[in-house]
Amino acid sequence: MDDQFLMEIMEINEKLAEAQNEAAIEEIESTVRAKQNEFTEHVSKAFEQDDFEKAKEILTKMRYFSNVQEKIKLKKTPL
């Protein structure tokens, strides 16, 4: 995993941890959803080109964002 990507994930997780209202959470969720859509397009292209290493890398990144999406769901769900 490249350092820039890991920093991006850390920043998103920090923003989510600090989010105090629904609007802040929605903004983070929108960013994560956009990234997931972007990765979906890229992974499709990688598979079409039989570039399985690239597809594996993208799928790994998607998993990180999927974990963030789960954290968002938990934060939105009242205890």
N, C-alpha and C. Protein backbone atom coordinates (compact mmCIF):
# COMPACT_ATOMS: atom_id res chain seq x y z
N MET A 1 0.84 -1.17 0.00
CA MET A 1 0.00 0.00 0.00
C MET A 1 0.90 1.24 0.00
N ASP A 2 0.56 2.18 -0.84
CA ASP A 2 1.38 3.38 -0.90
C ASP A 2 1.05 4.32 0.26
N ASP A 3 2.04 5.10 0.65
CA ASP A 3 1.91 5.98 1.81
C ASP A 3 0.79 7.01 1.64
N GLN A 4 0.66 7.55 0.45
CA GLN A 4 -0.36 8.56 0.20
C GLN A 4 -1.76 7.99 0.44
N PHE A 5 -2.00 6.78 -0.02
CA PHE A 5 -3.30 6.15 0.18
C PHE A 5 -3.56 5.92 1.66
N LEU A 6 -2.57 5.41 2.36
CA LEU A 6 -2.75 5.15 3.79
C LEU A 6 -3.00 6.44 4.57
N MET A 7 -2.34 7.52 4.17
CA MET A 7 -2.59 8.81 4.81
C MET A 7 -4.02 9.27 4.55
N GLU A 8 -4.51 9.05 3.33
CA GLU A 8 -5.89 9.42 3.00
C GLU A 8 -6.88 8.67 3.88
N ILE A 9 -6.66 7.37 4.06
CA ILE A 9 -7.53 6.56 4.89
C ILE A 9 -7.48 7.05 6.35
N MET A 10 -6.28 7.33 6.83
CA MET A 10 -6.14 7.83 8.20
C MET A 10 -6.88 9.14 8.39
N GLU A 11 -6.77 10.04 7.43
CA GLU A 11 -7.45 11.33 7.52
C GLU A 11 -8.96 11.17 7.53
N ILE A 12 -9.46 10.28 6.68
CA ILE A 12 -10.91 10.04 6.64
C ILE A 12 -11.37 9.46 7.97
N ASN A 13 -10.61 8.51 8.52
CA ASN A 13 -10.97 7.92 9.81
C ASN A 13 -10.95 8.97 10.92
N GLU A 14 -9.97 9.87 10.89
CA GLU A 14 -9.91 10.93 11.89
C GLU A 14 -11.11 11.87 11.78
N LYS A 15 -11.45 12.25 10.54
CA LYS A 15 -12.61 13.12 10.34
C LYS A 15 -13.88 12.45 10.85
N LEU A 16 -14.00 11.15 10.59
CA LEU A 16 -15.18 10.42 11.04
C LEU A 16 -15.23 10.37 12.57
N ALA A 17 -14.10 10.13 13.19
CA ALA A 17 -14.05 10.07 14.65
C ALA A 17 -14.42 11.42 15.27
N GLU A 18 -14.05 12.51 14.59
CA GLU A 18 -14.32 13.84 15.11
C GLU A 18 -15.68 14.39 14.69
N ALA A 19 -16.36 13.73 13.77
CA ALA A 19 -17.65 14.22 13.26
C ALA A 19 -18.66 14.32 14.41
N GLN A 20 -19.24 15.49 14.53
CA GLN A 20 -20.16 15.76 15.63
C GLN A 20 -21.63 15.82 15.21
N ASN A 21 -21.86 15.83 13.89
CA ASN A 21 -23.25 15.94 13.44
C ASN A 21 -23.47 15.14 12.16
N GLU A 22 -24.73 15.03 11.82
CA GLU A 22 -25.13 14.24 10.65
C GLU A 22 -24.54 14.78 9.36
N ALA A 23 -24.48 16.10 9.24
CA ALA A 23 -23.96 16.73 8.01
C ALA A 23 -22.50 16.35 7.78
N ALA A 24 -21.71 16.35 8.84
CA ALA A 24 -20.29 15.98 8.72
C ALA A 24 -20.14 14.53 8.32
N ILE A 25 -20.97 13.68 8.90
CA ILE A 25 -20.93 12.25 8.56
C ILE A 25 -21.36 12.05 7.11
N GLU A 26 -22.39 12.76 6.68
CA GLU A 26 -22.88 12.65 5.30
C GLU A 26 -21.81 13.08 4.31
N GLU A 27 -21.06 14.11 4.64
CA GLU A 27 -19.99 14.58 3.76
C GLU A 27 -18.91 13.51 3.60
N ILE A 28 -18.54 12.89 4.70
CA ILE A 28 -17.54 11.81 4.66
C ILE A 28 -18.09 10.63 3.87
N GLU A 29 -19.33 10.30 4.10
CA GLU A 29 -19.95 9.18 3.40
C GLU A 29 -19.98 9.43 1.89
N SER A 30 -20.26 10.65 1.49
CA SER A 30 -20.28 11.01 0.08
C SER A 30 -18.90 10.85 -0.55
N THR A 31 -17.87 11.28 0.17
CA THR A 31 -16.50 11.14 -0.31
C THR A 31 -16.14 9.66 -0.48
N VAL A 32 -16.48 8.86 0.50
CA VAL A 32 -16.17 7.43 0.46
C VAL A 32 -16.92 6.76 -0.69
N ARG A 33 -18.17 7.12 -0.86
CA ARG A 33 -18.98 6.54 -1.95
C ARG A 33 -18.38 6.89 -3.32
N ALA A 34 -17.94 8.12 -3.47
CA ALA A 34 -17.32 8.55 -4.73
C ALA A 34 -16.04 7.77 -5.00
N LYS A 35 -15.24 7.58 -3.97
CA LYS A 35 -14.00 6.81 -4.12
C LYS A 35 -14.30 5.37 -4.52
N GLN A 36 -15.31 4.79 -3.88
CA GLN A 36 -15.68 3.41 -4.20
C GLN A 36 -16.15 3.30 -5.65
N ASN A 37 -16.91 4.27 -6.12
CA ASN A 37 -17.36 4.27 -7.52
C ASN A 37 -16.17 4.37 -8.46
N GLU A 38 -15.23 5.23 -8.13
CA GLU A 38 -14.02 5.39 -8.93
C GLU A 38 -13.22 4.07 -8.98
N PHE A 39 -13.06 3.46 -7.83
CA PHE A 39 -12.32 2.19 -7.78
C PHE A 39 -13.05 1.09 -8.56
N THR A 40 -14.37 1.10 -8.52
CA THR A 40 -15.14 0.09 -9.25
C THR A 40 -14.87 0.21 -10.75
N GLU A 41 -14.84 1.44 -11.25
CA GLU A 41 -14.52 1.65 -12.67
C GLU A 41 -13.11 1.16 -12.99
N HIS A 42 -12.17 1.50 -12.13
CA HIS A 42 -10.77 1.11 -12.37
C HIS A 42 -10.56 -0.39 -12.30
N VAL A 43 -11.23 -1.04 -11.36
CA VAL A 43 -11.05 -2.49 -11.24
C VAL A 43 -11.68 -3.20 -12.45
N SER A 44 -12.78 -2.66 -12.95
CA SER A 44 -13.39 -3.25 -14.15
C SER A 44 -12.43 -3.16 -15.35
N LYS A 45 -11.81 -2.00 -15.49
CA LYS A 45 -10.84 -1.83 -16.58
C LYS A 45 -9.65 -2.76 -16.41
N ALA A 46 -9.18 -2.91 -15.19
CA ALA A 46 -8.04 -3.79 -14.93
C ALA A 46 -8.37 -5.22 -15.31
N PHE A 47 -9.56 -5.68 -14.95
CA PHE A 47 -9.97 -7.04 -15.32
C PHE A 47 -10.12 -7.19 -16.83
N GLU A 48 -10.68 -6.17 -17.47
CA GLU A 48 -10.84 -6.21 -18.93
C GLU A 48 -9.49 -6.33 -19.63
N GLN A 49 -8.46 -5.73 -19.03
CA GLN A 49 -7.11 -5.75 -19.61
C GLN A 49 -6.28 -6.92 -19.08
N ASP A 50 -6.91 -7.82 -18.33
CA ASP A 50 -6.22 -8.95 -17.71
C ASP A 50 -5.05 -8.53 -16.84
N ASP A 51 -5.15 -7.35 -16.24
CA ASP A 51 -4.11 -6.85 -15.34
C ASP A 51 -4.54 -7.19 -13.91
N PHE A 52 -4.28 -8.44 -13.55
CA PHE A 52 -4.78 -8.95 -12.27
C PHE A 52 -4.04 -8.37 -11.07
N GLU A 53 -2.79 -8.00 -11.24
CA GLU A 53 -2.06 -7.37 -10.15
C GLU A 53 -2.67 -6.00 -9.82
N LYS A 54 -2.98 -5.25 -10.86
CA LYS A 54 -3.62 -3.94 -10.67
C LYS A 54 -5.00 -4.13 -10.03
N ALA A 55 -5.75 -5.11 -10.51
CA ALA A 55 -7.08 -5.39 -9.95
C ALA A 55 -6.97 -5.74 -8.47
N LYS A 56 -5.97 -6.53 -8.12
CA LYS A 56 -5.77 -6.93 -6.72
C LYS A 56 -5.47 -5.70 -5.86
N GLU A 57 -4.63 -4.82 -6.37
CA GLU A 57 -4.28 -3.60 -5.65
C GLU A 57 -5.53 -2.74 -5.42
N ILE A 58 -6.34 -2.59 -6.45
CA ILE A 58 -7.55 -1.77 -6.35
C ILE A 58 -8.55 -2.39 -5.39
N LEU A 59 -8.70 -3.71 -5.47
CA LEU A 59 -9.63 -4.39 -4.57
C LEU A 59 -9.21 -4.25 -3.11
N THR A 60 -7.91 -4.24 -2.87
CA THR A 60 -7.41 -4.04 -1.52
C THR A 60 -7.79 -2.64 -1.03
N LYS A 61 -7.63 -1.65 -1.89
CA LYS A 61 -8.02 -0.28 -1.53
C LYS A 61 -9.53 -0.20 -1.27
N MET A 62 -10.29 -0.90 -2.09
CA MET A 62 -11.74 -0.90 -1.92
C MET A 62 -12.12 -1.47 -0.56
N ARG A 63 -11.36 -2.46 -0.12
CA ARG A 63 -11.65 -3.07 1.18
C ARG A 63 -11.45 -2.05 2.31
N TYR A 64 -10.41 -1.24 2.21
CA TYR A 64 -10.19 -0.20 3.21
C TYR A 64 -11.39 0.74 3.26
N PHE A 65 -11.86 1.15 2.09
CA PHE A 65 -13.00 2.07 2.05
C PHE A 65 -14.28 1.38 2.51
N SER A 66 -14.39 0.10 2.26
CA SER A 66 -15.54 -0.65 2.75
C SER A 66 -15.55 -0.67 4.28
N ASN A 67 -14.37 -0.80 4.87
CA ASN A 67 -14.27 -0.75 6.33
C ASN A 67 -14.70 0.62 6.86
N VAL A 68 -14.33 1.67 6.15
CA VAL A 68 -14.75 3.02 6.55
C VAL A 68 -16.26 3.13 6.44
N GLN A 69 -16.83 2.57 5.39
CA GLN A 69 -18.29 2.61 5.23
C GLN A 69 -18.99 1.92 6.41
N GLU A 70 -18.42 0.83 6.89
CA GLU A 70 -19.00 0.14 8.04
C GLU A 70 -18.93 1.03 9.28
N LYS A 71 -17.81 1.72 9.46
CA LYS A 71 -17.67 2.65 10.60
C LYS A 71 -18.70 3.77 10.51
N ILE A 72 -18.96 4.23 9.29
CA ILE A 72 -19.96 5.28 9.09
C ILE A 72 -21.34 4.77 9.51
N LYS A 73 -21.68 3.55 9.09
CA LYS A 73 -22.97 2.97 9.48
C LYS A 73 -23.10 2.87 10.99
N LEU A 74 -22.02 2.45 11.65
CA LEU A 74 -22.06 2.32 13.11
C LEU A 74 -22.22 3.70 13.77
N LYS A 75 -21.57 4.69 13.23
CA LYS A 75 -21.64 6.05 13.79
C LYS A 75 -23.04 6.62 13.60
N LYS A 76 -23.70 6.29 12.50
CA LYS A 76 -25.03 6.81 12.21
C LYS A 76 -26.10 6.10 13.02
N THR A 77 -25.81 4.89 13.49
CA THR A 77 -26.78 4.11 14.24
C THR A 77 -26.74 4.50 15.71
N PRO A 78 -27.81 5.01 16.24
CA PRO A 78 -27.81 5.37 17.67
C PRO A 78 -27.73 4.12 18.53
N LEU A 79 -27.07 4.27 19.67
CA LEU A 79 -26.92 3.13 20.59
C LEU A 79 -28.16 2.87 21.37
